[in-house]
Amino acid sequence: MSLNPTKLVVLICEEAMESSVAPDLMAAGAKGYTVCEARGRGARGVRDARWQSSNVRIEILCQEDVAQRLVDMLLARYSDNFGLVVYVQDAQTIRSNKF
């Protein structure tokens, strides 16, 4: 089995943002993404969805150039007006042509 270097871009944001962020991710070069509910505590306090909308964690496996475009797009379009966390990790994947 051959592993290939890939990037994992992770975005944690308000659930309501998903419908507008998803098309932007694809337009910036993502071939797909995964969305999961996210809960936790941070600078804005506890987010547990009992009294407010929940957060989501959106993960995108992609090549390095796409990862940079995604980060640049997210910062330019969303960081000033929305609470979000964005980070990038190194990953090793099989079937790199999918990403």
PDB file of N, CA and C in Angstrom:
ATOM      1  N   MET A   1       0.851  -1.179   0.000  1.00  0.00           N
ATOM      2  CA  MET A   1       0.000   0.000   0.000  1.00  0.00           C
ATOM      3  C   MET A   1       0.896   1.241   0.000  1.00  0.00           C
ATOM      4  N   SER A   2       0.579   2.144  -0.870  1.00  0.00           N
ATOM      5  CA  SER A   2       1.337   3.383  -0.996  1.00  0.00           C
ATOM      6  C   SER A   2       0.550   4.538  -0.385  1.00  0.00           C
ATOM      7  N   LEU A   3       1.191   5.265   0.525  1.00  0.00           N
ATOM      8  CA  LEU A   3       0.570   6.447   1.124  1.00  0.00           C
ATOM      9  C   LEU A   3       1.085   7.694   0.429  1.00  0.00           C
ATOM     10  N   ASN A   4       0.196   8.664   0.274  1.00  0.00           N
ATOM     11  CA  ASN A   4       0.526   9.892  -0.442  1.00  0.00           C
ATOM     12  C   ASN A   4       0.318  11.099   0.455  1.00  0.00           C
ATOM     13  N   PRO A   5       1.240  12.067   0.402  1.00  0.00           N
ATOM     14  CA  PRO A   5       1.069  13.270   1.217  1.00  0.00           C
ATOM     15  C   PRO A   5      -0.163  14.061   0.772  1.00  0.00           C
ATOM     16  N   THR A   6      -0.967  14.432   1.739  1.00  0.00           N
ATOM     17  CA  THR A   6      -2.215  15.156   1.507  1.00  0.00           C
ATOM     18  C   THR A   6      -2.377  16.147   2.642  1.00  0.00           C
ATOM     19  N   LYS A   7      -3.190  17.152   2.470  1.00  0.00           N
ATOM     20  CA  LYS A   7      -3.510  18.103   3.533  1.00  0.00           C
ATOM     21  C   LYS A   7      -4.938  17.870   4.016  1.00  0.00           C
ATOM     22  N   LEU A   8      -5.149  18.068   5.296  1.00  0.00           N
ATOM     23  CA  LEU A   8      -6.471  18.028   5.895  1.00  0.00           C
ATOM     24  C   LEU A   8      -6.779  19.434   6.379  1.00  0.00           C
ATOM     25  N   VAL A   9      -7.745  20.076   5.748  1.00  0.00           N
ATOM     26  CA  VAL A   9      -8.201  21.403   6.158  1.00  0.00           C
ATOM     27  C   VAL A   9      -9.429  21.200   7.033  1.00  0.00           C
ATOM     28  N   VAL A  10      -9.418  21.789   8.217  1.00  0.00           N
ATOM     29  CA  VAL A  10     -10.534  21.659   9.151  1.00  0.00           C
ATOM     30  C   VAL A  10     -11.097  23.042   9.433  1.00  0.00           C
ATOM     31  N   LEU A  11     -12.409  23.148   9.303  1.00  0.00           N
ATOM     32  CA  LEU A  11     -13.135  24.385   9.581  1.00  0.00           C
ATOM     33  C   LEU A  11     -14.186  24.070  10.638  1.00  0.00           C
ATOM     34  N   ILE A  12     -14.175  24.807  11.726  1.00  0.00           N
ATOM     35  CA  ILE A  12     -15.217  24.689  12.747  1.00  0.00           C
ATOM     36  C   ILE A  12     -15.963  26.011  12.746  1.00  0.00           C
ATOM     37  N   CYS A  13     -17.281  25.926  12.503  1.00  0.00           N
ATOM     38  CA  CYS A  13     -18.069  27.141  12.359  1.00  0.00           C
ATOM     39  C   CYS A  13     -19.506  26.891  12.793  1.00  0.00           C
ATOM     40  N   GLU A  14     -20.294  27.942  12.777  1.00  0.00           N
ATOM     41  CA  GLU A  14     -21.710  27.824  13.110  1.00  0.00           C
ATOM     42  C   GLU A  14     -22.412  26.970  12.063  1.00  0.00           C
ATOM     43  N   GLU A  15     -23.338  26.141  12.514  1.00  0.00           N
ATOM     44  CA  GLU A  15     -24.080  25.259  11.617  1.00  0.00           C
ATOM     45  C   GLU A  15     -24.761  26.038  10.489  1.00  0.00           C
ATOM     46  N   ALA A  16     -25.241  27.218  10.785  1.00  0.00           N
ATOM     47  CA  ALA A  16     -25.948  28.025   9.787  1.00  0.00           C
ATOM     48  C   ALA A  16     -25.051  28.430   8.619  1.00  0.00           C
ATOM     49  N   MET A  17     -23.737  28.408   8.803  1.00  0.00           N
ATOM     50  CA  MET A  17     -22.806  28.774   7.736  1.00  0.00           C
ATOM     51  C   MET A  17     -22.625  27.679   6.695  1.00  0.00           C
ATOM     52  N   GLU A  18     -22.956  26.451   7.039  1.00  0.00           N
ATOM     53  CA  GLU A  18     -22.664  25.315   6.161  1.00  0.00           C
ATOM     54  C   GLU A  18     -23.211  25.510   4.752  1.00  0.00           C
ATOM     55  N   SER A  19     -24.434  25.977   4.635  1.00  0.00           N
ATOM     56  CA  SER A  19     -25.054  26.098   3.309  1.00  0.00           C
ATOM     57  C   SER A  19     -24.363  27.138   2.424  1.00  0.00           C
ATOM     58  N   SER A  20     -23.742  28.142   3.012  1.00  0.00           N
ATOM     59  CA  SER A  20     -23.032  29.121   2.181  1.00  0.00           C
ATOM     60  C   SER A  20     -21.558  28.756   1.997  1.00  0.00           C
ATOM     61  N   VAL A  21     -20.963  28.109   2.992  1.00  0.00           N
ATOM     62  CA  VAL A  21     -19.549  27.740   2.902  1.00  0.00           C
ATOM     63  C   VAL A  21     -19.332  26.588   1.928  1.00  0.00           C
ATOM     64  N   ALA A  22     -20.219  25.602   1.942  1.00  0.00           N
ATOM     65  CA  ALA A  22     -20.030  24.396   1.126  1.00  0.00           C
ATOM     66  C   ALA A  22     -19.806  24.697  -0.359  1.00  0.00           C
ATOM     67  N   PRO A  23     -20.641  25.514  -1.003  1.00  0.00           N
ATOM     68  CA  PRO A  23     -20.386  25.815  -2.420  1.00  0.00           C
ATOM     69  C   PRO A  23     -19.070  26.561  -2.627  1.00  0.00           C
ATOM     70  N   ASP A  24     -18.696  27.407  -1.684  1.00  0.00           N
ATOM     71  CA  ASP A  24     -17.428  28.136  -1.785  1.00  0.00           C
ATOM     72  C   ASP A  24     -16.233  27.188  -1.697  1.00  0.00           C
ATOM     73  N   LEU A  25     -16.340  26.148  -0.861  1.00  0.00           N
ATOM     74  CA  LEU A  25     -15.268  25.158  -0.761  1.00  0.00           C
ATOM     75  C   LEU A  25     -15.069  24.453  -2.104  1.00  0.00           C
ATOM     76  N   MET A  26     -16.177  24.049  -2.704  1.00  0.00           N
ATOM     77  CA  MET A  26     -16.100  23.357  -3.990  1.00  0.00           C
ATOM     78  C   MET A  26     -15.555  24.284  -5.085  1.00  0.00           C
ATOM     79  N   ALA A  27     -15.982  25.536  -5.065  1.00  0.00           N
ATOM     80  CA  ALA A  27     -15.505  26.506  -6.066  1.00  0.00           C
ATOM     81  C   ALA A  27     -14.010  26.770  -5.917  1.00  0.00           C
ATOM     82  N   ALA A  28     -13.484  26.641  -4.688  1.00  0.00           N
ATOM     83  CA  ALA A  28     -12.060  26.874  -4.438  1.00  0.00           C
ATOM     84  C   ALA A  28     -11.215  25.643  -4.750  1.00  0.00           C
ATOM     85  N   GLY A  29     -11.854  24.535  -5.138  1.00  0.00           N
ATOM     86  CA  GLY A  29     -11.083  23.377  -5.573  1.00  0.00           C
ATOM     87  C   GLY A  29     -11.249  22.105  -4.774  1.00  0.00           C
ATOM     88  N   ALA A  30     -12.015  22.133  -3.684  1.00  0.00           N
ATOM     89  CA  ALA A  30     -12.249  20.905  -2.930  1.00  0.00           C
ATOM     90  C   ALA A  30     -13.034  19.931  -3.800  1.00  0.00           C
ATOM     91  N   LYS A  31     -12.693  18.651  -3.707  1.00  0.00           N
ATOM     92  CA  LYS A  31     -13.429  17.632  -4.461  1.00  0.00           C
ATOM     93  C   LYS A  31     -14.554  17.039  -3.616  1.00  0.00           C
ATOM     94  N   GLY A  32     -14.561  17.367  -2.340  1.00  0.00           N
ATOM     95  CA  GLY A  32     -15.585  16.884  -1.426  1.00  0.00           C
ATOM     96  C   GLY A  32     -15.251  17.328  -0.015  1.00  0.00           C
ATOM     97  N   TYR A  33     -16.119  17.013   0.921  1.00  0.00           N
ATOM     98  CA  TYR A  33     -15.910  17.389   2.319  1.00  0.00           C
ATOM     99  C   TYR A  33     -16.771  16.503   3.202  1.00  0.00           C
ATOM    100  N   THR A  34     -16.461  16.502   4.492  1.00  0.00           N
ATOM    101  CA  THR A  34     -17.223  15.767   5.493  1.00  0.00           C
ATOM    102  C   THR A  34     -17.665  16.748   6.562  1.00  0.00           C
ATOM    103  N   VAL A  35     -18.916  16.622   7.018  1.00  0.00           N
ATOM    104  CA  VAL A  35     -19.454  17.512   8.041  1.00  0.00           C
ATOM    105  C   VAL A  35     -19.915  16.680   9.231  1.00  0.00           C
ATOM    106  N   CYS A  36     -19.525  17.119  10.438  1.00  0.00           N
ATOM    107  CA  CYS A  36     -19.946  16.483  11.692  1.00  0.00           C
ATOM    108  C   CYS A  36     -20.356  17.577  12.665  1.00  0.00           C
ATOM    109  N   GLU A  37     -21.255  17.244  13.579  1.00  0.00           N
ATOM    110  CA  GLU A  37     -21.612  18.183  14.644  1.00  0.00           C
ATOM    111  C   GLU A  37     -20.407  18.372  15.554  1.00  0.00           C
ATOM    112  N   ALA A  38     -20.244  19.584  16.072  1.00  0.00           N
ATOM    113  CA  ALA A  38     -19.112  19.877  16.956  1.00  0.00           C
ATOM    114  C   ALA A  38     -19.607  20.619  18.199  1.00  0.00           C
ATOM    115  N   ARG A  39     -19.126  20.190  19.345  1.00  0.00           N
ATOM    116  CA  ARG A  39     -19.437  20.855  20.613  1.00  0.00           C
ATOM    117  C   ARG A  39     -18.135  21.139  21.326  1.00  0.00           C
ATOM    118  N   GLY A  40     -18.153  22.113  22.228  1.00  0.00           N
ATOM    119  CA  GLY A  40     -16.945  22.386  22.998  1.00  0.00           C
ATOM    120  C   GLY A  40     -16.997  23.726  23.695  1.00  0.00           C
ATOM    121  N   ARG A  41     -15.858  24.135  24.166  1.00  0.00           N
ATOM    122  CA  ARG A  41     -15.712  25.398  24.885  1.00  0.00           C
ATOM    123  C   ARG A  41     -14.516  26.140  24.319  1.00  0.00           C
ATOM    124  N   GLY A  42     -14.668  27.447  24.174  1.00  0.00           N
ATOM    125  CA  GLY A  42     -13.581  28.266  23.651  1.00  0.00           C
ATOM    126  C   GLY A  42     -13.738  29.702  24.102  1.00  0.00           C
ATOM    127  N   ALA A  43     -13.178  30.607  23.351  1.00  0.00           N
ATOM    128  CA  ALA A  43     -13.200  32.026  23.704  1.00  0.00           C
ATOM    129  C   ALA A  43     -14.620  32.575  23.808  1.00  0.00           C
ATOM    130  N   ARG A  44     -15.549  31.969  23.096  1.00  0.00           N
ATOM    131  CA  ARG A  44     -16.942  32.434  23.124  1.00  0.00           C
ATOM    132  C   ARG A  44     -17.802  31.633  24.096  1.00  0.00           C
ATOM    133  N   GLY A  45     -17.181  30.840  24.937  1.00  0.00           N
ATOM    134  CA  GLY A  45     -17.923  30.061  25.923  1.00  0.00           C
ATOM    135  C   GLY A  45     -18.244  28.671  25.424  1.00  0.00           C
ATOM    136  N   VAL A  46     -19.249  28.052  26.050  1.00  0.00           N
ATOM    137  CA  VAL A  46     -19.645  26.690  25.712  1.00  0.00           C
ATOM    138  C   VAL A  46     -20.628  26.711  24.554  1.00  0.00           C
ATOM    139  N   ARG A  47     -20.409  25.835  23.572  1.00  0.00           N
ATOM    140  CA  ARG A  47     -21.343  25.653  22.452  1.00  0.00           C
ATOM    141  C   ARG A  47     -21.865  24.232  22.535  1.00  0.00           C
ATOM    142  N   ASP A  48     -23.102  24.075  23.022  1.00  0.00           N
ATOM    143  CA  ASP A  48     -23.651  22.731  23.153  1.00  0.00           C
ATOM    144  C   ASP A  48     -25.000  22.564  22.485  1.00  0.00           C
ATOM    145  N   ALA A  49     -25.517  23.557  21.799  1.00  0.00           N
ATOM    146  CA  ALA A  49     -26.742  23.507  20.989  1.00  0.00           C
ATOM    147  C   ALA A  49     -28.019  23.408  21.800  1.00  0.00           C
ATOM    148  N   ARG A  50     -27.973  23.499  23.120  1.00  0.00           N
ATOM    149  CA  ARG A  50     -29.215  23.434  23.888  1.00  0.00           C
ATOM    150  C   ARG A  50     -30.043  24.699  23.726  1.00  0.00           C
ATOM    151  N   TRP A  51     -29.402  25.857  23.687  1.00  0.00           N
ATOM    152  CA  TRP A  51     -30.127  27.130  23.605  1.00  0.00           C
ATOM    153  C   TRP A  51     -29.833  27.888  22.328  1.00  0.00           C
ATOM    154  N   GLN A  52     -28.984  27.352  21.518  1.00  0.00           N
ATOM    155  CA  GLN A  52     -28.586  28.050  20.300  1.00  0.00           C
ATOM    156  C   GLN A  52     -28.234  27.022  19.234  1.00  0.00           C
ATOM    157  N   SER A  53     -27.981  27.486  18.033  1.00  0.00           N
ATOM    158  CA  SER A  53     -27.593  26.547  16.985  1.00  0.00           C
ATOM    159  C   SER A  53     -26.239  25.931  17.326  1.00  0.00           C
ATOM    160  N   SER A  54     -25.997  24.764  16.783  1.00  0.00           N
ATOM    161  CA  SER A  54     -24.745  24.073  17.079  1.00  0.00           C
ATOM    162  C   SER A  54     -23.651  24.508  16.113  1.00  0.00           C
ATOM    163  N   ASN A  55     -22.467  24.023  16.388  1.00  0.00           N
ATOM    164  CA  ASN A  55     -21.339  24.207  15.485  1.00  0.00           C
ATOM    165  C   ASN A  55     -21.172  22.942  14.665  1.00  0.00           C
ATOM    166  N   VAL A  56     -20.496  23.077  13.533  1.00  0.00           N
ATOM    167  CA  VAL A  56     -20.134  21.931  12.719  1.00  0.00           C
ATOM    168  C   VAL A  56     -18.635  21.950  12.475  1.00  0.00           C
ATOM    169  N   ARG A  57     -18.121  20.769  12.226  1.00  0.00           N
ATOM    170  CA  ARG A  57     -16.717  20.592  11.855  1.00  0.00           C
ATOM    171  C   ARG A  57     -16.728  20.099  10.414  1.00  0.00           C
ATOM    172  N   ILE A  58     -16.116  20.859   9.533  1.00  0.00           N
ATOM    173  CA  ILE A  58     -16.059  20.518   8.118  1.00  0.00           C
ATOM    174  C   ILE A  58     -14.609  20.155   7.802  1.00  0.00           C
ATOM    175  N   GLU A  59     -14.413  18.954   7.267  1.00  0.00           N
ATOM    176  CA  GLU A  59     -13.078  18.465   6.945  1.00  0.00           C
ATOM    177  C   GLU A  59     -12.941  18.273   5.444  1.00  0.00           C
ATOM    178  N   ILE A  60     -11.808  18.727   4.915  1.00  0.00           N
ATOM    179  CA  ILE A  60     -11.533  18.610   3.491  1.00  0.00           C
ATOM    180  C   ILE A  60     -10.143  18.022   3.314  1.00  0.00           C
ATOM    181  N   LEU A  61     -10.040  16.873   2.657  1.00  0.00           N
ATOM    182  CA  LEU A  61      -8.755  16.314   2.260  1.00  0.00           C
ATOM    183  C   LEU A  61      -8.455  16.834   0.866  1.00  0.00           C
ATOM    184  N   CYS A  62      -7.240  17.360   0.677  1.00  0.00           N
ATOM    185  CA  CYS A  62      -6.909  17.963  -0.614  1.00  0.00           C
ATOM    186  C   CYS A  62      -5.405  18.083  -0.778  1.00  0.00           C
ATOM    187  N   GLN A  63      -5.015  18.524  -1.942  1.00  0.00           N
ATOM    188  CA  GLN A  63      -3.609  18.780  -2.213  1.00  0.00           C
ATOM    189  C   GLN A  63      -3.219  20.139  -1.617  1.00  0.00           C
ATOM    190  N   GLU A  64      -1.919  20.366  -1.456  1.00  0.00           N
ATOM    191  CA  GLU A  64      -1.426  21.562  -0.774  1.00  0.00           C
ATOM    192  C   GLU A  64      -1.889  22.861  -1.423  1.00  0.00           C
ATOM    193  N   ASP A  65      -1.888  22.937  -2.742  1.00  0.00           N
ATOM    194  CA  ASP A  65      -2.312  24.172  -3.404  1.00  0.00           C
ATOM    195  C   ASP A  65      -3.788  24.468  -3.147  1.00  0.00           C
ATOM    196  N   VAL A  66      -4.613  23.429  -3.120  1.00  0.00           N
ATOM    197  CA  VAL A  66      -6.034  23.614  -2.829  1.00  0.00           C
ATOM    198  C   VAL A  66      -6.210  24.034  -1.370  1.00  0.00           C
ATOM    199  N   ALA A  67      -5.441  23.444  -0.474  1.00  0.00           N
ATOM    200  CA  ALA A  67      -5.521  23.814   0.942  1.00  0.00           C
ATOM    201  C   ALA A  67      -5.248  25.304   1.122  1.00  0.00           C
ATOM    202  N   GLN A  68      -4.238  25.814   0.431  1.00  0.00           N
ATOM    203  CA  GLN A  68      -3.920  27.235   0.547  1.00  0.00           C
ATOM    204  C   GLN A  68      -5.052  28.097   0.001  1.00  0.00           C
ATOM    205  N   ARG A  69      -5.650  27.704  -1.125  1.00  0.00           N
ATOM    206  CA  ARG A  69      -6.782  28.448  -1.679  1.00  0.00           C
ATOM    207  C   ARG A  69      -7.969  28.439  -0.722  1.00  0.00           C
ATOM    208  N   LEU A  70      -8.233  27.294  -0.098  1.00  0.00           N
ATOM    209  CA  LEU A  70      -9.340  27.199   0.852  1.00  0.00           C
ATOM    210  C   LEU A  70      -9.123  28.134   2.037  1.00  0.00           C
ATOM    211  N   VAL A  71      -7.941  28.098   2.613  1.00  0.00           N
ATOM    212  CA  VAL A  71      -7.639  28.954   3.758  1.00  0.00           C
ATOM    213  C   VAL A  71      -7.760  30.420   3.375  1.00  0.00           C
ATOM    214  N   ASP A  72      -7.184  30.794   2.244  1.00  0.00           N
ATOM    215  CA  ASP A  72      -7.262  32.186   1.793  1.00  0.00           C
ATOM    216  C   ASP A  72      -8.709  32.627   1.598  1.00  0.00           C
ATOM    217  N   MET A  73      -9.522  31.773   0.975  1.00  0.00           N
ATOM    218  CA  MET A  73     -10.930  32.091   0.730  1.00  0.00           C
ATOM    219  C   MET A  73     -11.692  32.224   2.042  1.00  0.00           C
ATOM    220  N   LEU A  74     -11.494  31.281   2.960  1.00  0.00           N
ATOM    221  CA  LEU A  74     -12.208  31.323   4.242  1.00  0.00           C
ATOM    222  C   LEU A  74     -11.852  32.580   5.029  1.00  0.00           C
ATOM    223  N   LEU A  75     -10.586  32.927   5.046  1.00  0.00           N
ATOM    224  CA  LEU A  75     -10.170  34.140   5.759  1.00  0.00           C
ATOM    225  C   LEU A  75     -10.762  35.390   5.113  1.00  0.00           C
ATOM    226  N   ALA A  76     -10.723  35.458   3.795  1.00  0.00           N
ATOM    227  CA  ALA A  76     -11.216  36.651   3.096  1.00  0.00           C
ATOM    228  C   ALA A  76     -12.729  36.816   3.214  1.00  0.00           C
ATOM    229  N   ARG A  77     -13.475  35.720   3.113  1.00  0.00           N
ATOM    230  CA  ARG A  77     -14.943  35.823   3.059  1.00  0.00           C
ATOM    231  C   ARG A  77     -15.639  35.718   4.407  1.00  0.00           C
ATOM    232  N   TYR A  78     -15.036  35.045   5.360  1.00  0.00           N
ATOM    233  CA  TYR A  78     -15.790  34.719   6.568  1.00  0.00           C
ATOM    234  C   TYR A  78     -15.170  35.162   7.895  1.00  0.00           C
ATOM    235  N   SER A  79     -13.873  35.334   7.965  1.00  0.00           N
ATOM    236  CA  SER A  79     -13.235  35.533   9.274  1.00  0.00           C
ATOM    237  C   SER A  79     -13.630  36.847   9.961  1.00  0.00           C
ATOM    238  N   ASP A  80     -13.940  37.881   9.219  1.00  0.00           N
ATOM    239  CA  ASP A  80     -14.287  39.160   9.849  1.00  0.00           C
ATOM    240  C   ASP A  80     -15.678  39.166  10.478  1.00  0.00           C
ATOM    241  N   ASN A  81     -16.590  38.361   9.954  1.00  0.00           N
ATOM    242  CA  ASN A  81     -17.983  38.445  10.383  1.00  0.00           C
ATOM    243  C   ASN A  81     -18.529  37.215  11.087  1.00  0.00           C
ATOM    244  N   PHE A  82     -17.756  36.140  11.150  1.00  0.00           N
ATOM    245  CA  PHE A  82     -18.243  34.908  11.744  1.00  0.00           C
ATOM    246  C   PHE A  82     -17.200  34.317  12.686  1.00  0.00           C
ATOM    247  N   GLY A  83     -17.689  33.635  13.719  1.00  0.00           N
ATOM    248  CA  GLY A  83     -16.781  32.909  14.587  1.00  0.00           C
ATOM    249  C   GLY A  83     -16.409  31.603  13.908  1.00  0.00           C
ATOM    250  N   LEU A  84     -15.142  31.421  13.615  1.00  0.00           N
ATOM    251  CA  LEU A  84     -14.706  30.185  12.998  1.00  0.00           C
ATOM    252  C   LEU A  84     -13.273  29.875  13.377  1.00  0.00           C
ATOM    253  N   VAL A  85     -12.947  28.607  13.288  1.00  0.00           N
ATOM    254  CA  VAL A  85     -11.587  28.128  13.491  1.00  0.00           C
ATOM    255  C   VAL A  85     -11.194  27.390  12.220  1.00  0.00           C
ATOM    256  N   VAL A  86     -10.008  27.667  11.718  1.00  0.00           N
ATOM    257  CA  VAL A  86      -9.504  26.986  10.531  1.00  0.00           C
ATOM    258  C   VAL A  86      -8.086  26.518  10.835  1.00  0.00           C
ATOM    259  N   TYR A  87      -7.814  25.252  10.540  1.00  0.00           N
ATOM    260  CA  TYR A  87      -6.435  24.781  10.644  1.00  0.00           C
ATOM    261  C   TYR A  87      -6.169  23.720   9.600  1.00  0.00           C
ATOM    262  N   VAL A  88      -4.873  23.491   9.343  1.00  0.00           N
ATOM    263  CA  VAL A  88      -4.438  22.550   8.321  1.00  0.00           C
ATOM    264  C   VAL A  88      -3.453  21.583   8.959  1.00  0.00           C
ATOM    265  N   GLN A  89      -3.628  20.295   8.642  1.00  0.00           N
ATOM    266  CA  GLN A  89      -2.722  19.263   9.125  1.00  0.00           C
ATOM    267  C   GLN A  89      -2.192  18.462   7.945  1.00  0.00           C
ATOM    268  N   ASP A  90      -1.019  17.872   8.142  1.00  0.00           N
ATOM    269  CA  ASP A  90      -0.501  16.925   7.174  1.00  0.00           C
ATOM    270  C   ASP A  90      -1.224  15.598   7.356  1.00  0.00           C
ATOM    271  N   ALA A  91      -1.512  14.925   6.256  1.00  0.00           N
ATOM    272  CA  ALA A  91      -2.158  13.617   6.290  1.00  0.00           C
ATOM    273  C   ALA A  91      -1.506  12.733   5.240  1.00  0.00           C
ATOM    274  N   GLN A  92      -1.700  11.446   5.373  1.00  0.00           N
ATOM    275  CA  GLN A  92      -1.238  10.462   4.401  1.00  0.00           C
ATOM    276  C   GLN A  92      -2.470   9.686   3.934  1.00  0.00           C
ATOM    277  N   THR A  93      -2.716   9.647   2.644  1.00  0.00           N
ATOM    278  CA  THR A  93      -3.926   8.977   2.133  1.00  0.00           C
ATOM    279  C   THR A  93      -3.560   7.960   1.051  1.00  0.00           C
ATOM    280  N   ILE A  94      -4.467   7.029   0.863  1.00  0.00           N
ATOM    281  CA  ILE A  94      -4.386   6.156  -0.309  1.00  0.00           C
ATOM    282  C   ILE A  94      -5.325   6.748  -1.353  1.00  0.00           C
ATOM    283  N   ARG A  95      -5.181   6.350  -2.568  1.00  0.00           N
ATOM    284  CA  ARG A  95      -6.015   6.862  -3.663  1.00  0.00           C
ATOM    285  C   ARG A  95      -5.991   8.392  -3.723  1.00  0.00           C
ATOM    286  N   SER A  96      -4.813   8.949  -3.799  1.00  0.00           N
ATOM    287  CA  SER A  96      -4.655  10.404  -3.761  1.00  0.00           C
ATOM    288  C   SER A  96      -5.403  11.122  -4.889  1.00  0.00           C
ATOM    289  N   ASN A  97      -5.710  10.434  -5.960  1.00  0.00           N
ATOM    290  CA  ASN A  97      -6.443  11.064  -7.063  1.00  0.00           C
ATOM    291  C   ASN A  97      -7.845  11.503  -6.631  1.00  0.00           C
ATOM    292  N   LYS A  98      -8.368  10.961  -5.521  1.00  0.00           N
ATOM    293  CA  LYS A  98      -9.673  11.374  -5.015  1.00  0.00           C
ATOM    294  C   LYS A  98      -9.621  12.759  -4.366  1.00  0.00           C
ATOM    295  N   PHE A  99      -8.429  13.207  -4.014  1.00  0.00           N
ATOM    296  CA  PHE A  99      -8.300  14.437  -3.255  1.00  0.00           C
ATOM    297  C   PHE A  99      -7.545  15.477  -4.040  1.00  0.00           C
TER     298      PHE A  99
END
